[in-house]
Every structure is written in structure tokens, then in C-alpha cells.
Amino acid sequence: MADRWIPDDLLAFSPTIKNFFENPTTVQFDHRILGISSLAAITGLYLFSRRMVLPKRAKVAIGLLAAMAYTQVALGISTLLLYVPTPLAATHQSGSVALLTFAIWVLAELRKIPK
């Protein structure tokens, strides 16, 4: 992907659907887009939650979700820049489980709020 936002060989394979599972460039591009959009959504949630009246546990959960999202992005970028060292790649994999756990916690806390 080098220094381009959209790689040239994004849809190089035929049929097109094959790219999403077998083309390393497309898989990495999808992973990057997922990371950027998730970080943007979580950052938006965090900023929006600061202006709302929420229970303390919900604010803590959202804050930790945001912190974990930024940690996960940093781990992912570091993994790529250092040419995928196994311990760092494994930490990035584990970070995804932690991020999912925090997201579930946020949902659980927000469901407790009366409508």
C-alpha cells in the first residue's frame, strides 16, 4: 500500500469477491479502514458522552473503551512498522479481545440507563 490511500491492486483478482479473502493488499486495506472508522466512532462516542449526564460507571467504561481503541491502533501501526514481530502481533490480537470486552461493557452500562 506504500504511500497511497487506495492501492492500485485493490481488486486485482477475479472474481472480485476473491480479493476480500485472498488478496493481501485488499485484506490490509479493509483492516486499515475498519481501524480508522472504529477509532473515529469511538472517539465520537467519547466526546459526545462527556457532554451527557451519564452514570459514573458508563463514563468510566466509555473512557476505557476509548483508551483501548487508541492503544489498539498504536499496536497495529507498530506491528506494521516493525515488520510484524510475533510478540507484538500477538499483543495486537489480544488487544482486539480487550477492545471487544470494553465495547460489551459499554453496551451493558448504557442499557441500564432508564429511558
PDB file of N, CA and C in Angstrom:
ATOM      1  N   MET A   1       0.826  -1.184   0.000  1.00  0.00           N
ATOM      2  CA  MET A   1       0.000   0.000   0.000  1.00  0.00           C
ATOM      3  C   MET A   1       0.868   1.245   0.000  1.00  0.00           C
ATOM      4  N   ALA A   2       2.060   1.111   0.474  1.00  0.00           N
ATOM      5  CA  ALA A   2       3.074   2.177   0.423  1.00  0.00           C
ATOM      6  C   ALA A   2       2.518   3.520   0.860  1.00  0.00           C
ATOM      7  N   ASP A   3       2.639   4.513   0.000  1.00  0.00           N
ATOM      8  CA  ASP A   3       2.229   5.862   0.380  1.00  0.00           C
ATOM      9  C   ASP A   3       0.925   6.277  -0.294  1.00  0.00           C
ATOM     10  N   ARG A   4       0.114   5.318  -0.675  1.00  0.00           N
ATOM     11  CA  ARG A   4      -1.156   5.606  -1.340  1.00  0.00           C
ATOM     12  C   ARG A   4      -2.317   5.305  -0.404  1.00  0.00           C
ATOM     13  N   TRP A   5      -3.376   6.096  -0.505  1.00  0.00           N
ATOM     14  CA  TRP A   5      -4.568   5.836   0.302  1.00  0.00           C
ATOM     15  C   TRP A   5      -5.325   4.629  -0.233  1.00  0.00           C
ATOM     16  N   ILE A   6      -5.447   4.539  -1.566  1.00  0.00           N
ATOM     17  CA  ILE A   6      -6.126   3.400  -2.187  1.00  0.00           C
ATOM     18  C   ILE A   6      -5.114   2.718  -3.102  1.00  0.00           C
ATOM     19  N   PRO A   7      -4.764   1.472  -2.809  1.00  0.00           N
ATOM     20  CA  PRO A   7      -3.738   0.780  -3.596  1.00  0.00           C
ATOM     21  C   PRO A   7      -4.214   0.454  -5.012  1.00  0.00           C
ATOM     22  N   ASP A   8      -3.253   0.352  -5.929  1.00  0.00           N
ATOM     23  CA  ASP A   8      -3.569   0.056  -7.326  1.00  0.00           C
ATOM     24  C   ASP A   8      -4.148  -1.343  -7.509  1.00  0.00           C
ATOM     25  N   ASP A   9      -3.627  -2.303  -6.777  1.00  0.00           N
ATOM     26  CA  ASP A   9      -4.052  -3.692  -6.970  1.00  0.00           C
ATOM     27  C   ASP A   9      -5.122  -4.120  -5.965  1.00  0.00           C
ATOM     28  N   LEU A  10      -5.991  -3.187  -5.596  1.00  0.00           N
ATOM     29  CA  LEU A  10      -7.039  -3.458  -4.615  1.00  0.00           C
ATOM     30  C   LEU A  10      -7.973  -4.576  -5.079  1.00  0.00           C
ATOM     31  N   LEU A  11      -8.351  -4.555  -6.339  1.00  0.00           N
ATOM     32  CA  LEU A  11      -9.261  -5.561  -6.890  1.00  0.00           C
ATOM     33  C   LEU A  11      -8.591  -6.303  -8.042  1.00  0.00           C
ATOM     34  N   ALA A  12      -7.407  -6.822  -7.799  1.00  0.00           N
ATOM     35  CA  ALA A  12      -6.614  -7.461  -8.845  1.00  0.00           C
ATOM     36  C   ALA A  12      -7.114  -8.849  -9.223  1.00  0.00           C
ATOM     37  N   PHE A  13      -7.765  -9.546  -8.289  1.00  0.00           N
ATOM     38  CA  PHE A  13      -8.173 -10.927  -8.541  1.00  0.00           C
ATOM     39  C   PHE A  13      -9.557 -10.979  -9.175  1.00  0.00           C
ATOM     40  N   SER A  14      -9.794 -12.080  -9.869  1.00  0.00           N
ATOM     41  CA  SER A  14     -11.106 -12.322 -10.462  1.00  0.00           C
ATOM     42  C   SER A  14     -11.591 -13.692 -10.009  1.00  0.00           C
ATOM     43  N   PRO A  15     -12.803 -13.828  -9.589  1.00  0.00           N
ATOM     44  CA  PRO A  15     -13.859 -12.827  -9.437  1.00  0.00           C
ATOM     45  C   PRO A  15     -13.541 -11.854  -8.303  1.00  0.00           C
ATOM     46  N   THR A  16     -14.201 -10.721  -8.334  1.00  0.00           N
ATOM     47  CA  THR A  16     -13.902  -9.621  -7.411  1.00  0.00           C
ATOM     48  C   THR A  16     -13.995 -10.028  -5.947  1.00  0.00           C
ATOM     49  N   ILE A  17     -14.960 -10.854  -5.603  1.00  0.00           N
ATOM     50  CA  ILE A  17     -15.162 -11.255  -4.205  1.00  0.00           C
ATOM     51  C   ILE A  17     -13.931 -11.968  -3.638  1.00  0.00           C
ATOM     52  N   LYS A  18     -13.161 -12.596  -4.509  1.00  0.00           N
ATOM     53  CA  LYS A  18     -11.956 -13.322  -4.092  1.00  0.00           C
ATOM     54  C   LYS A  18     -10.925 -12.388  -3.442  1.00  0.00           C
ATOM     55  N   ASN A  19     -10.928 -11.118  -3.843  1.00  0.00           N
ATOM     56  CA  ASN A  19      -9.979 -10.144  -3.298  1.00  0.00           C
ATOM     57  C   ASN A  19     -10.127  -9.963  -1.798  1.00  0.00           C
ATOM     58  N   PHE A  20     -11.357 -10.032  -1.306  1.00  0.00           N
ATOM     59  CA  PHE A  20     -11.609  -9.767   0.110  1.00  0.00           C
ATOM     60  C   PHE A  20     -11.095 -10.871   1.025  1.00  0.00           C
ATOM     61  N   PHE A  21     -10.761 -12.010   0.468  1.00  0.00           N
ATOM     62  CA  PHE A  21     -10.287 -13.131   1.272  1.00  0.00           C
ATOM     63  C   PHE A  21      -8.870 -13.580   0.919  1.00  0.00           C
ATOM     64  N   GLU A  22      -8.430 -13.331  -0.311  1.00  0.00           N
ATOM     65  CA  GLU A  22      -7.153 -13.879  -0.762  1.00  0.00           C
ATOM     66  C   GLU A  22      -6.132 -12.844  -1.218  1.00  0.00           C
ATOM     67  N   ASN A  23      -6.528 -11.612  -1.426  1.00  0.00           N
ATOM     68  CA  ASN A  23      -5.599 -10.575  -1.863  1.00  0.00           C
ATOM     69  C   ASN A  23      -5.058  -9.852  -0.623  1.00  0.00           C
ATOM     70  N   PRO A  24      -3.768 -10.029  -0.305  1.00  0.00           N
ATOM     71  CA  PRO A  24      -3.215  -9.398   0.905  1.00  0.00           C
ATOM     72  C   PRO A  24      -3.387  -7.880   0.926  1.00  0.00           C
ATOM     73  N   THR A  25      -3.306  -7.251  -0.220  1.00  0.00           N
ATOM     74  CA  THR A  25      -3.468  -5.795  -0.283  1.00  0.00           C
ATOM     75  C   THR A  25      -4.875  -5.390   0.121  1.00  0.00           C
ATOM     76  N   THR A  26      -5.876  -6.087  -0.403  1.00  0.00           N
ATOM     77  CA  THR A  26      -7.269  -5.764  -0.077  1.00  0.00           C
ATOM     78  C   THR A  26      -7.569  -6.058   1.382  1.00  0.00           C
ATOM     79  N   VAL A  27      -7.060  -7.169   1.881  1.00  0.00           N
ATOM     80  CA  VAL A  27      -7.296  -7.528   3.283  1.00  0.00           C
ATOM     81  C   VAL A  27      -6.691  -6.468   4.203  1.00  0.00           C
ATOM     82  N   GLN A  28      -5.472  -6.026   3.909  1.00  0.00           N
ATOM     83  CA  GLN A  28      -4.849  -4.997   4.743  1.00  0.00           C
ATOM     84  C   GLN A  28      -5.584  -3.668   4.611  1.00  0.00           C
ATOM     85  N   PHE A  29      -6.043  -3.338   3.411  1.00  0.00           N
ATOM     86  CA  PHE A  29      -6.803  -2.106   3.208  1.00  0.00           C
ATOM     87  C   PHE A  29      -8.100  -2.137   4.021  1.00  0.00           C
ATOM     88  N   ASP A  30      -8.809  -3.267   3.972  1.00  0.00           N
ATOM     89  CA  ASP A  30     -10.047  -3.414   4.753  1.00  0.00           C
ATOM     90  C   ASP A  30      -9.766  -3.281   6.247  1.00  0.00           C
ATOM     91  N   HIS A  31      -8.668  -3.878   6.687  1.00  0.00           N
ATOM     92  CA  HIS A  31      -8.281  -3.816   8.099  1.00  0.00           C
ATOM     93  C   HIS A  31      -7.999  -2.368   8.508  1.00  0.00           C
ATOM     94  N   ARG A  32      -7.325  -1.642   7.634  1.00  0.00           N
ATOM     95  CA  ARG A  32      -6.998  -0.242   7.912  1.00  0.00           C
ATOM     96  C   ARG A  32      -8.269   0.608   7.979  1.00  0.00           C
ATOM     97  N   ILE A  33      -9.185   0.401   7.036  1.00  0.00           N
ATOM     98  CA  ILE A  33     -10.443   1.157   7.020  1.00  0.00           C
ATOM     99  C   ILE A  33     -11.272   0.838   8.262  1.00  0.00           C
ATOM    100  N   LEU A  34     -11.314  -0.435   8.656  1.00  0.00           N
ATOM    101  CA  LEU A  34     -12.040  -0.827   9.864  1.00  0.00           C
ATOM    102  C   LEU A  34     -11.444  -0.138  11.093  1.00  0.00           C
ATOM    103  N   GLY A  35     -10.118  -0.098  11.171  1.00  0.00           N
ATOM    104  CA  GLY A  35      -9.458   0.553  12.303  1.00  0.00           C
ATOM    105  C   GLY A  35      -9.740   2.047  12.356  1.00  0.00           C
ATOM    106  N   ILE A  36      -9.650   2.711  11.214  1.00  0.00           N
ATOM    107  CA  ILE A  36      -9.889   4.155  11.165  1.00  0.00           C
ATOM    108  C   ILE A  36     -11.335   4.477  11.526  1.00  0.00           C
ATOM    109  N   SER A  37     -12.279   3.737  10.940  1.00  0.00           N
ATOM    110  CA  SER A  37     -13.691   4.026  11.211  1.00  0.00           C
ATOM    111  C   SER A  37     -14.071   3.685  12.650  1.00  0.00           C
ATOM    112  N   SER A  38     -13.523   2.605  13.186  1.00  0.00           N
ATOM    113  CA  SER A  38     -13.807   2.255  14.585  1.00  0.00           C
ATOM    114  C   SER A  38     -13.253   3.313  15.528  1.00  0.00           C
ATOM    115  N   LEU A  39     -12.031   3.751  15.271  1.00  0.00           N
ATOM    116  CA  LEU A  39     -11.429   4.780  16.120  1.00  0.00           C
ATOM    117  C   LEU A  39     -12.226   6.080  16.040  1.00  0.00           C
ATOM    118  N   ALA A  40     -12.675   6.446  14.850  1.00  0.00           N
ATOM    119  CA  ALA A  40     -13.470   7.668  14.697  1.00  0.00           C
ATOM    120  C   ALA A  40     -14.795   7.557  15.447  1.00  0.00           C
ATOM    121  N   ALA A  41     -15.460   6.406  15.337  1.00  0.00           N
ATOM    122  CA  ALA A  41     -16.743   6.214  16.019  1.00  0.00           C
ATOM    123  C   ALA A  41     -16.570   6.228  17.537  1.00  0.00           C
ATOM    124  N   ILE A  42     -15.543   5.561  18.023  1.00  0.00           N
ATOM    125  CA  ILE A  42     -15.308   5.512  19.472  1.00  0.00           C
ATOM    126  C   ILE A  42     -14.905   6.884  20.002  1.00  0.00           C
ATOM    127  N   THR A  43     -14.099   7.612  19.244  1.00  0.00           N
ATOM    128  CA  THR A  43     -13.729   8.971  19.647  1.00  0.00           C
ATOM    129  C   THR A  43     -14.965   9.862  19.693  1.00  0.00           C
ATOM    130  N   GLY A  44     -15.837   9.736  18.691  1.00  0.00           N
ATOM    131  CA  GLY A  44     -17.086  10.495  18.690  1.00  0.00           C
ATOM    132  C   GLY A  44     -17.955  10.159  19.887  1.00  0.00           C
ATOM    133  N   LEU A  45     -18.064   8.868  20.202  1.00  0.00           N
ATOM    134  CA  LEU A  45     -18.831   8.442  21.374  1.00  0.00           C
ATOM    135  C   LEU A  45     -18.244   9.041  22.643  1.00  0.00           C
ATOM    136  N   TYR A  46     -16.931   9.001  22.757  1.00  0.00           N
ATOM    137  CA  TYR A  46     -16.268   9.549  23.945  1.00  0.00           C
ATOM    138  C   TYR A  46     -16.556  11.045  24.087  1.00  0.00           C
ATOM    139  N   LEU A  47     -16.378  11.796  23.005  1.00  0.00           N
ATOM    140  CA  LEU A  47     -16.603  13.242  23.065  1.00  0.00           C
ATOM    141  C   LEU A  47     -18.067  13.565  23.356  1.00  0.00           C
ATOM    142  N   PHE A  48     -18.975  12.828  22.741  1.00  0.00           N
ATOM    143  CA  PHE A  48     -20.403  13.033  22.968  1.00  0.00           C
ATOM    144  C   PHE A  48     -20.779  12.694  24.407  1.00  0.00           C
ATOM    145  N   SER A  49     -20.179  11.643  24.945  1.00  0.00           N
ATOM    146  CA  SER A  49     -20.519  11.207  26.307  1.00  0.00           C
ATOM    147  C   SER A  49     -20.061  12.207  27.363  1.00  0.00           C
ATOM    148  N   ARG A  50     -19.035  13.000  27.060  1.00  0.00           N
ATOM    149  CA  ARG A  50     -18.555  13.994  28.024  1.00  0.00           C
ATOM    150  C   ARG A  50     -19.596  15.092  28.246  1.00  0.00           C
ATOM    151  N   ARG A  51     -20.475  15.307  27.265  1.00  0.00           N
ATOM    152  CA  ARG A  51     -21.482  16.363  27.371  1.00  0.00           C
ATOM    153  C   ARG A  51     -22.799  15.860  27.950  1.00  0.00           C
ATOM    154  N   MET A  52     -22.923  14.555  28.097  1.00  0.00           N
ATOM    155  CA  MET A  52     -24.173  13.970  28.576  1.00  0.00           C
ATOM    156  C   MET A  52     -24.099  13.663  30.063  1.00  0.00           C
ATOM    157  N   VAL A  53     -25.271  13.608  30.670  1.00  0.00           N
ATOM    158  CA  VAL A  53     -25.363  13.170  32.057  1.00  0.00           C
ATOM    159  C   VAL A  53     -25.500  11.652  32.024  1.00  0.00           C
ATOM    160  N   LEU A  54     -24.443  10.982  32.414  1.00  0.00           N
ATOM    161  CA  LEU A  54     -24.411   9.523  32.423  1.00  0.00           C
ATOM    162  C   LEU A  54     -23.944   9.047  33.788  1.00  0.00           C
ATOM    163  N   PRO A  55     -24.318   7.824  34.149  1.00  0.00           N
ATOM    164  CA  PRO A  55     -23.778   7.264  35.393  1.00  0.00           C
ATOM    165  C   PRO A  55     -22.253   7.174  35.323  1.00  0.00           C
ATOM    166  N   LYS A  56     -21.632   7.248  36.483  1.00  0.00           N
ATOM    167  CA  LYS A  56     -20.165   7.223  36.540  1.00  0.00           C
ATOM    168  C   LYS A  56     -19.597   5.968  35.883  1.00  0.00           C
ATOM    169  N   ARG A  57     -20.225   4.805  36.126  1.00  0.00           N
ATOM    170  CA  ARG A  57     -19.718   3.561  35.533  1.00  0.00           C
ATOM    171  C   ARG A  57     -19.753   3.610  34.005  1.00  0.00           C
ATOM    172  N   ALA A  58     -20.764   4.235  33.437  1.00  0.00           N
ATOM    173  CA  ALA A  58     -20.853   4.353  31.977  1.00  0.00           C
ATOM    174  C   ALA A  58     -19.734   5.247  31.452  1.00  0.00           C
ATOM    175  N   LYS A  59     -19.477   6.343  32.149  1.00  0.00           N
ATOM    176  CA  LYS A  59     -18.397   7.244  31.716  1.00  0.00           C
ATOM    177  C   LYS A  59     -17.033   6.565  31.825  1.00  0.00           C
ATOM    178  N   VAL A  60     -16.847   5.792  32.876  1.00  0.00           N
ATOM    179  CA  VAL A  60     -15.586   5.053  33.034  1.00  0.00           C
ATOM    180  C   VAL A  60     -15.441   4.032  31.909  1.00  0.00           C
ATOM    181  N   ALA A  61     -16.508   3.306  31.620  1.00  0.00           N
ATOM    182  CA  ALA A  61     -16.460   2.289  30.565  1.00  0.00           C
ATOM    183  C   ALA A  61     -16.151   2.918  29.210  1.00  0.00           C
ATOM    184  N   ILE A  62     -16.779   4.041  28.915  1.00  0.00           N
ATOM    185  CA  ILE A  62     -16.535   4.720  27.636  1.00  0.00           C
ATOM    186  C   ILE A  62     -15.101   5.248  27.579  1.00  0.00           C
ATOM    187  N   GLY A  63     -14.618   5.794  28.677  1.00  0.00           N
ATOM    188  CA  GLY A  63     -13.236   6.281  28.716  1.00  0.00           C
ATOM    189  C   GLY A  63     -12.225   5.169  28.495  1.00  0.00           C
ATOM    190  N   LEU A  64     -12.469   4.020  29.120  1.00  0.00           N
ATOM    191  CA  LEU A  64     -11.557   2.884  28.938  1.00  0.00           C
ATOM    192  C   LEU A  64     -11.663   2.302  27.530  1.00  0.00           C
ATOM    193  N   LEU A  65     -12.870   2.321  26.953  1.00  0.00           N
ATOM    194  CA  LEU A  65     -13.029   1.878  25.563  1.00  0.00           C
ATOM    195  C   LEU A  65     -12.205   2.767  24.639  1.00  0.00           C
ATOM    196  N   ALA A  66     -12.277   4.074  24.841  1.00  0.00           N
ATOM    197  CA  ALA A  66     -11.500   4.998  24.010  1.00  0.00           C
ATOM    198  C   ALA A  66      -9.998   4.775  24.190  1.00  0.00           C
ATOM    199  N   ALA A  67      -9.568   4.605  25.429  1.00  0.00           N
ATOM    200  CA  ALA A  67      -8.144   4.364  25.684  1.00  0.00           C
ATOM    201  C   ALA A  67      -7.680   3.073  25.015  1.00  0.00           C
ATOM    202  N   MET A  68      -8.504   2.036  25.092  1.00  0.00           N
ATOM    203  CA  MET A  68      -8.134   0.759  24.470  1.00  0.00           C
ATOM    204  C   MET A  68      -8.122   0.875  22.951  1.00  0.00           C
ATOM    205  N   ALA A  69      -9.031   1.662  22.391  1.00  0.00           N
ATOM    206  CA  ALA A  69      -9.055   1.844  20.937  1.00  0.00           C
ATOM    207  C   ALA A  69      -7.770   2.515  20.455  1.00  0.00           C
ATOM    208  N   TYR A  70      -7.339   3.546  21.158  1.00  0.00           N
ATOM    209  CA  TYR A  70      -6.090   4.214  20.773  1.00  0.00           C
ATOM    210  C   TYR A  70      -4.886   3.294  20.978  1.00  0.00           C
ATOM    211  N   THR A  71      -4.926   2.497  22.030  1.00  0.00           N
ATOM    212  CA  THR A  71      -3.851   1.525  22.261  1.00  0.00           C
ATOM    213  C   THR A  71      -3.811   0.504  21.133  1.00  0.00           C
ATOM    214  N   GLN A  72      -4.983   0.039  20.720  1.00  0.00           N
ATOM    215  CA  GLN A  72      -5.059  -0.964  19.657  1.00  0.00           C
ATOM    216  C   GLN A  72      -4.537  -0.408  18.333  1.00  0.00           C
ATOM    217  N   VAL A  73      -4.882   0.825  18.027  1.00  0.00           N
ATOM    218  CA  VAL A  73      -4.373   1.446  16.796  1.00  0.00           C
ATOM    219  C   VAL A  73      -2.852   1.589  16.868  1.00  0.00           C
ATOM    220  N   ALA A  74      -2.339   2.010  18.007  1.00  0.00           N
ATOM    221  CA  ALA A  74      -0.886   2.140  18.170  1.00  0.00           C
ATOM    222  C   ALA A  74      -0.198   0.787  18.021  1.00  0.00           C
ATOM    223  N   LEU A  75      -0.794  -0.250  18.587  1.00  0.00           N
ATOM    224  CA  LEU A  75      -0.226  -1.600  18.439  1.00  0.00           C
ATOM    225  C   LEU A  75      -0.231  -2.040  16.976  1.00  0.00           C
ATOM    226  N   GLY A  76      -1.319  -1.768  16.280  1.00  0.00           N
ATOM    227  CA  GLY A  76      -1.413  -2.155  14.871  1.00  0.00           C
ATOM    228  C   GLY A  76      -0.390  -1.446  14.004  1.00  0.00           C
ATOM    229  N   ILE A  77      -0.251  -0.152  14.206  1.00  0.00           N
ATOM    230  CA  ILE A  77       0.728   0.613  13.431  1.00  0.00           C
ATOM    231  C   ILE A  77       2.148   0.151  13.761  1.00  0.00           C
ATOM    232  N   SER A  78       2.422  -0.058  15.040  1.00  0.00           N
ATOM    233  CA  SER A  78       3.754  -0.528  15.448  1.00  0.00           C
ATOM    234  C   SER A  78       4.062  -1.897  14.856  1.00  0.00           C
ATOM    235  N   THR A  79       3.065  -2.755  14.833  1.00  0.00           N
ATOM    236  CA  THR A  79       3.254  -4.093  14.267  1.00  0.00           C
ATOM    237  C   THR A  79       3.667  -4.007  12.805  1.00  0.00           C
ATOM    238  N   LEU A  80       3.017  -3.130  12.050  1.00  0.00           N
ATOM    239  CA  LEU A  80       3.370  -2.975  10.634  1.00  0.00           C
ATOM    240  C   LEU A  80       4.750  -2.353  10.453  1.00  0.00           C
ATOM    241  N   LEU A  81       5.028  -1.296  11.208  1.00  0.00           N
ATOM    242  CA  LEU A  81       6.300  -0.590  11.035  1.00  0.00           C
ATOM    243  C   LEU A  81       7.505  -1.444  11.419  1.00  0.00           C
ATOM    244  N   LEU A  82       7.301  -2.374  12.342  1.00  0.00           N
ATOM    245  CA  LEU A  82       8.401  -3.236  12.786  1.00  0.00           C
ATOM    246  C   LEU A  82       8.419  -4.581  12.058  1.00  0.00           C
ATOM    247  N   TYR A  83       7.663  -4.674  10.943  1.00  0.00           N
ATOM    248  CA  TYR A  83       7.642  -5.875  10.101  1.00  0.00           C
ATOM    249  C   TYR A  83       7.120  -7.108  10.830  1.00  0.00           C
ATOM    250  N   VAL A  84       6.062  -6.933  11.580  1.00  0.00           N
ATOM    251  CA  VAL A  84       5.267  -7.990  12.210  1.00  0.00           C
ATOM    252  C   VAL A  84       6.079  -8.916  13.117  1.00  0.00           C
ATOM    253  N   PRO A  85       6.687  -8.383  14.177  1.00  0.00           N
ATOM    254  CA  PRO A  85       7.299  -9.287  15.160  1.00  0.00           C
ATOM    255  C   PRO A  85       6.187 -10.063  15.877  1.00  0.00           C
ATOM    256  N   THR A  86       6.405 -11.347  16.066  1.00  0.00           N
ATOM    257  CA  THR A  86       5.361 -12.221  16.610  1.00  0.00           C
ATOM    258  C   THR A  86       4.816 -11.755  17.958  1.00  0.00           C
ATOM    259  N   PRO A  87       5.646 -11.380  18.933  1.00  0.00           N
ATOM    260  CA  PRO A  87       5.073 -10.940  20.213  1.00  0.00           C
ATOM    261  C   PRO A  87       4.163  -9.709  20.078  1.00  0.00           C
ATOM    262  N   LEU A  88       4.571  -8.765  19.245  1.00  0.00           N
ATOM    263  CA  LEU A  88       3.759  -7.566  19.050  1.00  0.00           C
ATOM    264  C   LEU A  88       2.473  -7.897  18.292  1.00  0.00           C
ATOM    265  N   ALA A  89       2.564  -8.772  17.305  1.00  0.00           N
ATOM    266  CA  ALA A  89       1.370  -9.198  16.567  1.00  0.00           C
ATOM    267  C   ALA A  89       0.396  -9.925  17.488  1.00  0.00           C
ATOM    268  N   ALA A  90       0.920 -10.755  18.377  1.00  0.00           N
ATOM    269  CA  ALA A  90       0.065 -11.466  19.335  1.00  0.00           C
ATOM    270  C   ALA A  90      -0.583 -10.488  20.311  1.00  0.00           C
ATOM    271  N   THR A  91       0.147  -9.470  20.705  1.00  0.00           N
ATOM    272  CA  THR A  91      -0.415  -8.451  21.590  1.00  0.00           C
ATOM    273  C   THR A  91      -1.537  -7.690  20.881  1.00  0.00           C
ATOM    274  N   HIS A  92      -1.349  -7.398  19.602  1.00  0.00           N
ATOM    275  CA  HIS A  92      -2.386  -6.736  18.811  1.00  0.00           C
ATOM    276  C   HIS A  92      -3.632  -7.625  18.720  1.00  0.00           C
ATOM    277  N   GLN A  93      -3.431  -8.919  18.539  1.00  0.00           N
ATOM    278  CA  GLN A  93      -4.558  -9.863  18.512  1.00  0.00           C
ATOM    279  C   GLN A  93      -5.281  -9.866  19.856  1.00  0.00           C
ATOM    280  N   SER A  94      -4.526  -9.904  20.931  1.00  0.00           N
ATOM    281  CA  SER A  94      -5.127  -9.891  22.270  1.00  0.00           C
ATOM    282  C   SER A  94      -5.844  -8.570  22.537  1.00  0.00           C
ATOM    283  N   GLY A  95      -5.296  -7.507  22.001  1.00  0.00           N
ATOM    284  CA  GLY A  95      -5.926  -6.197  22.161  1.00  0.00           C
ATOM    285  C   GLY A  95      -7.309  -6.141  21.547  1.00  0.00           C
ATOM    286  N   SER A  96      -7.513  -6.890  20.466  1.00  0.00           N
ATOM    287  CA  SER A  96      -8.844  -6.908  19.851  1.00  0.00           C
ATOM    288  C   SER A  96      -9.868  -7.533  20.788  1.00  0.00           C
ATOM    289  N   VAL A  97      -9.455  -8.545  21.535  1.00  0.00           N
ATOM    290  CA  VAL A  97     -10.356  -9.172  22.509  1.00  0.00           C
ATOM    291  C   VAL A  97     -10.666  -8.185  23.635  1.00  0.00           C
ATOM    292  N   ALA A  98      -9.657  -7.467  24.091  1.00  0.00           N
ATOM    293  CA  ALA A  98      -9.870  -6.466  25.144  1.00  0.00           C
ATOM    294  C   ALA A  98     -10.793  -5.352  24.651  1.00  0.00           C
ATOM    295  N   LEU A  99     -10.598  -4.911  23.418  1.00  0.00           N
ATOM    296  CA  LEU A  99     -11.446  -3.862  22.846  1.00  0.00           C
ATOM    297  C   LEU A  99     -12.895  -4.329  22.753  1.00  0.00           C
ATOM    298  N   LEU A 100     -13.101  -5.550  22.310  1.00  0.00           N
ATOM    299  CA  LEU A 100     -14.452  -6.114  22.247  1.00  0.00           C
ATOM    300  C   LEU A 100     -15.066  -6.198  23.642  1.00  0.00           C
ATOM    301  N   THR A 101     -14.273  -6.601  24.619  1.00  0.00           N
ATOM    302  CA  THR A 101     -14.753  -6.694  26.002  1.00  0.00           C
ATOM    303  C   THR A 101     -15.198  -5.326  26.519  1.00  0.00           C
ATOM    304  N   PHE A 102     -14.401  -4.292  26.274  1.00  0.00           N
ATOM    305  CA  PHE A 102     -14.787  -2.946  26.705  1.00  0.00           C
ATOM    306  C   PHE A 102     -16.047  -2.476  25.980  1.00  0.00           C
ATOM    307  N   ALA A 103     -16.178  -2.805  24.697  1.00  0.00           N
ATOM    308  CA  ALA A 103     -17.374  -2.409  23.946  1.00  0.00           C
ATOM    309  C   ALA A 103     -18.626  -3.070  24.525  1.00  0.00           C
ATOM    310  N   ILE A 104     -18.523  -4.341  24.889  1.00  0.00           N
ATOM    311  CA  ILE A 104     -19.653  -5.042  25.506  1.00  0.00           C
ATOM    312  C   ILE A 104     -19.981  -4.417  26.857  1.00  0.00           C
ATOM    313  N   TRP A 105     -18.962  -4.052  27.617  1.00  0.00           N
ATOM    314  CA  TRP A 105     -19.181  -3.404  28.911  1.00  0.00           C
ATOM    315  C   TRP A 105     -19.915  -2.070  28.726  1.00  0.00           C
ATOM    316  N   VAL A 106     -19.495  -1.279  27.732  1.00  0.00           N
ATOM    317  CA  VAL A 106     -20.169  -0.002  27.460  1.00  0.00           C
ATOM    318  C   VAL A 106     -21.642  -0.245  27.149  1.00  0.00           C
ATOM    319  N   LEU A 107     -21.919  -1.216  26.288  1.00  0.00           N
ATOM    320  CA  LEU A 107     -23.314  -1.517  25.951  1.00  0.00           C
ATOM    321  C   LEU A 107     -24.108  -1.937  27.178  1.00  0.00           C
ATOM    322  N   ALA A 108     -23.511  -2.747  28.026  1.00  0.00           N
ATOM    323  CA  ALA A 108     -24.197  -3.194  29.244  1.00  0.00           C
ATOM    324  C   ALA A 108     -24.503  -2.011  30.160  1.00  0.00           C
ATOM    325  N   GLU A 109     -23.558  -1.101  30.296  1.00  0.00           N
ATOM    326  CA  GLU A 109     -23.779   0.071  31.155  1.00  0.00           C
ATOM    327  C   GLU A 109     -24.836   1.001  30.568  1.00  0.00           C
ATOM    328  N   LEU A 110     -24.828   1.169  29.258  1.00  0.00           N
ATOM    329  CA  LEU A 110     -25.802   2.063  28.631  1.00  0.00           C
ATOM    330  C   LEU A 110     -27.210   1.477  28.658  1.00  0.00           C
ATOM    331  N   ARG A 111     -27.320   0.162  28.658  1.00  0.00           N
ATOM    332  CA  ARG A 111     -28.647  -0.468  28.730  1.00  0.00           C
ATOM    333  C   ARG A 111     -29.285  -0.284  30.096  1.00  0.00           C
ATOM    334  N   LYS A 112     -28.501  -0.044  31.118  1.00  0.00           N
ATOM    335  CA  LYS A 112     -29.023   0.139  32.476  1.00  0.00           C
ATOM    336  C   LYS A 112     -29.677   1.508  32.672  1.00  0.00           C
ATOM    337  N   ILE A 113     -29.418   2.435  31.763  1.00  0.00           N
ATOM    338  CA  ILE A 113     -29.951   3.791  31.904  1.00  0.00           C
ATOM    339  C   ILE A 113     -31.444   3.772  31.575  1.00  0.00           C
ATOM    340  N   PRO A 114     -32.286   4.284  32.483  1.00  0.00           N
ATOM    341  CA  PRO A 114     -33.725   4.319  32.186  1.00  0.00           C
ATOM    342  C   PRO A 114     -34.023   5.271  31.028  1.00  0.00           C
ATOM    343  N   LYS A 115     -35.013   4.903  30.247  1.00  0.00           N
ATOM    344  CA  LYS A 115     -35.356   5.726  29.071  1.00  0.00           C
ATOM    345  C   LYS A 115     -36.299   6.845  29.422  1.00  0.00           C
TER     346      LYS A 115
END
